């Protein structure tokens, strides 16, 4: 397993990985699925291309010995903080520490870029995911945004009254 920066040559594989980790039948093989709460795709190739061209934004990927992408995370450096998103591990590769390794790489990236904290947004109904981040030092900030205010960006809700809650980890504590 190796963690490196993604590039434009990775777009098709990243698109497939992220969507299979979050939505559809394949996602149900892992514990990070959103298939029961959201319809639609999580990302598309055009959005990935735009992200990869954006200054201050880095997409990390985990590759196996054959170069296959098994995990990814998007890191965007803002003044004094790093925003972490699009965190995905292949459903068939979950539960073996790959997510923890990606999270540690994200924290290293934040420190290298003089960020004092990492900020993430998590779907409010994803209690198991909120708890996973909590075990890694992330705490709810009290901030949230109703999902219908960003509808279309991450998919279409199948359930009512979901929101994204903000969590953060202060680094160096």
Protein backbone atom coordinates (compact mmCIF):
# COMPACT_ATOMS: atom_id res chain seq x y z
CA UNK A 1 0.00 0.00 0.00
CA UNK A 2 1.30 3.42 -0.98
CA UNK A 3 -0.25 6.88 -0.57
CA UNK A 4 0.51 9.38 -3.34
CA UNK A 5 -1.06 12.41 -5.02
CA UNK A 6 -3.72 11.75 -7.62
CA UNK A 7 -3.51 13.34 -11.06
CA UNK A 8 -5.63 13.70 -14.19
CA UNK A 9 -4.72 10.18 -15.34
CA UNK A 10 -6.55 8.87 -12.24
CA UNK A 11 -9.90 10.58 -12.90
CA UNK A 12 -11.80 7.58 -14.33
CA UNK A 13 -10.63 5.25 -11.57
CA UNK A 14 -11.30 7.83 -8.82
CA UNK A 15 -14.81 8.43 -10.17
CA UNK A 16 -15.57 4.71 -10.10
CA UNK A 17 -14.05 4.24 -6.63
CA UNK A 18 -15.83 7.17 -4.95
CA UNK A 19 -19.22 6.32 -6.42
CA UNK A 20 -18.88 2.62 -5.54
CA UNK A 21 -17.90 3.50 -1.95
CA UNK A 22 -20.89 5.79 -1.37
CA UNK A 23 -23.77 4.79 -3.66
CA UNK A 24 -25.35 1.80 -5.34
CA UNK A 25 -25.21 -1.91 -4.64
CA UNK A 26 -21.40 -2.12 -4.43
CA UNK A 27 -21.37 0.42 -1.61
CA UNK A 28 -23.51 -1.89 0.53
CA UNK A 29 -20.54 -4.29 0.79
CA UNK A 30 -18.80 -1.72 3.04
CA UNK A 31 -19.88 0.20 6.12
CA UNK A 32 -19.61 3.70 4.59
CA UNK A 33 -22.56 3.40 2.19
CA UNK A 34 -25.00 6.27 1.73
CA UNK A 35 -27.20 4.19 -0.61
CA UNK A 36 -30.14 4.10 1.82
CA UNK A 37 -30.19 7.86 2.36
CA UNK A 38 -29.06 9.40 -0.95
CA UNK A 39 -29.74 8.78 -4.63
CA UNK A 40 -27.61 9.85 -7.54
CA UNK A 41 -23.88 9.95 -7.96
CA UNK A 42 -21.39 11.29 -5.43
CA UNK A 43 -18.98 12.77 -8.00
CA UNK A 44 -18.36 12.79 -11.74
CA UNK A 45 -15.25 12.97 -13.92
CA UNK A 46 -15.70 16.66 -14.78
CA UNK A 47 -15.92 17.62 -11.09
CA UNK A 48 -12.77 15.60 -10.38
CA UNK A 49 -10.91 17.34 -13.21
CA UNK A 50 -11.93 20.74 -11.83
CA UNK A 51 -10.85 19.72 -8.33
CA UNK A 52 -7.45 18.50 -9.52
CA UNK A 53 -6.82 21.85 -11.24
CA UNK A 54 -7.74 23.94 -8.20
CA UNK A 55 -4.83 25.61 -6.37
CA UNK A 56 -4.57 24.58 -2.72
CA UNK A 57 -6.48 21.36 -3.32
CA UNK A 58 -4.83 17.94 -3.21
CA UNK A 59 -6.38 14.55 -3.79
CA UNK A 60 -4.48 11.70 -2.20
CA UNK A 61 -4.88 8.12 -3.34
CA UNK A 62 -4.00 4.75 -1.84
CA UNK A 63 -2.70 2.26 -4.37
CA UNK A 64 -2.04 -1.44 -4.01
CA UNK A 65 1.00 -3.30 -5.36
CA UNK A 66 -0.56 -3.39 -8.84
CA UNK A 67 -1.26 0.35 -8.92
CA UNK A 68 -5.02 -0.06 -8.39
CA UNK A 69 -6.59 2.82 -6.44
CA UNK A 70 -8.25 1.51 -3.28
CA UNK A 71 -8.82 4.74 -1.36
CA UNK A 72 -8.85 8.50 -1.74
CA UNK A 73 -9.34 11.74 0.17
CA UNK A 74 -9.64 15.36 -0.94
CA UNK A 75 -7.71 17.98 1.03
CA UNK A 76 -8.24 21.71 0.58
CA UNK A 77 -5.95 24.14 2.39
CA UNK A 78 -7.65 27.31 3.63
CA UNK A 79 -6.09 29.92 5.91
CA UNK A 80 -5.13 28.08 9.12
CA UNK A 81 -7.29 25.01 8.39
CA UNK A 82 -7.60 22.06 6.09
CA UNK A 83 -10.96 20.90 4.75
CA UNK A 84 -11.18 17.14 4.33
CA UNK A 85 -13.76 15.60 2.02
CA UNK A 86 -14.51 12.90 -0.55
CA UNK A 87 -12.98 10.36 1.82
CA UNK A 88 -13.53 6.93 0.25
CA UNK A 89 -12.13 3.43 0.60
CA UNK A 90 -13.17 0.59 -1.70
CA UNK A 91 -15.97 -1.36 0.04
CA UNK A 92 -13.99 -4.59 -0.35
CA UNK A 93 -10.91 -3.02 1.27
CA UNK A 94 -12.62 -1.44 4.29
CA UNK A 95 -11.78 -2.52 7.82
CA UNK A 96 -8.05 -3.07 7.34
CA UNK A 97 -6.66 0.30 8.45
CA UNK A 98 -6.54 1.96 5.04
CA UNK A 99 -8.91 4.73 6.12
CA UNK A 100 -6.85 5.39 9.23
CA UNK A 101 -3.69 5.59 7.09
CA UNK A 102 -5.36 8.10 4.76
CA UNK A 103 -6.54 10.14 7.74
CA UNK A 104 -2.99 10.21 9.15
CA UNK A 105 -1.67 11.31 5.72
CA UNK A 106 -4.29 14.10 5.72
CA UNK A 107 -3.11 15.24 9.15
CA UNK A 108 0.50 15.24 7.94
CA UNK A 109 -0.56 17.33 4.92
CA UNK A 110 -2.34 19.79 7.22
CA UNK A 111 0.74 20.20 9.41
CA UNK A 112 3.02 20.60 6.36
CA UNK A 113 0.74 23.45 5.25
CA UNK A 114 0.68 25.15 8.68
CA UNK A 115 -2.95 24.30 9.35
CA UNK A 116 -4.01 24.35 13.00
CA UNK A 117 -7.07 22.17 12.46
CA UNK A 118 -8.89 19.86 10.07
CA UNK A 119 -12.57 20.44 9.31
CA UNK A 120 -14.94 17.81 7.90
CA UNK A 121 -18.66 17.59 7.14
CA UNK A 122 -20.55 14.38 7.92
CA UNK A 123 -24.16 13.45 7.17
CA UNK A 124 -26.08 13.81 10.42
CA UNK A 125 -27.66 10.34 10.24
CA UNK A 126 -24.31 8.58 9.79
CA UNK A 127 -23.81 7.90 13.50
CA UNK A 128 -21.26 5.12 12.93
CA UNK A 129 -19.15 7.48 10.80
CA UNK A 130 -19.46 10.33 13.31
CA UNK A 131 -18.30 7.90 15.99
CA UNK A 132 -15.37 6.72 13.82
CA UNK A 133 -14.17 10.30 13.40
CA UNK A 134 -14.71 10.84 17.13
CA UNK A 135 -12.37 7.94 17.90
CA UNK A 136 -9.75 9.74 15.81
CA UNK A 137 -10.04 13.02 17.69
CA UNK A 138 -12.70 14.85 15.66
CA UNK A 139 -15.38 16.69 17.62
CA UNK A 140 -18.66 18.29 16.50
CA UNK A 141 -18.39 22.08 16.27
CA UNK A 142 -22.13 22.71 16.49
CA UNK A 143 -22.18 23.95 12.91
CA UNK A 144 -24.48 22.34 10.36
CA UNK A 145 -26.16 22.95 7.03
CA UNK A 146 -29.45 21.49 5.85
CA UNK A 147 -28.85 19.03 3.03
CA UNK A 148 -31.53 20.60 0.84
CA UNK A 149 -29.46 23.80 0.79
CA UNK A 150 -26.74 21.93 -1.14
CA UNK A 151 -28.96 19.45 -2.96
CA UNK A 152 -27.55 18.15 -6.22
CA UNK A 153 -23.97 18.62 -5.14
CA UNK A 154 -23.71 15.27 -3.35
CA UNK A 155 -26.89 13.50 -4.45
CA UNK A 156 -30.61 13.60 -3.82
CA UNK A 157 -31.96 12.76 -0.35
CA UNK A 158 -34.17 9.69 0.05
CA UNK A 159 -34.98 10.69 3.63
CA UNK A 160 -36.15 13.98 5.10
CA UNK A 161 -34.41 16.35 7.47
CA UNK A 162 -30.81 15.31 6.95
CA UNK A 163 -28.00 17.77 7.32
CA UNK A 164 -24.25 17.93 7.20
CA UNK A 165 -22.69 18.46 10.60
CA UNK A 166 -19.27 20.01 10.95
CA UNK A 167 -16.55 18.26 12.94
CA UNK A 168 -12.99 19.36 13.54
CA UNK A 169 -9.74 18.17 14.98
CA UNK A 170 -7.34 20.67 16.46
CA UNK A 171 -3.80 19.59 15.58
CA UNK A 172 -0.86 19.64 17.92
CA UNK A 173 -2.85 18.84 21.07
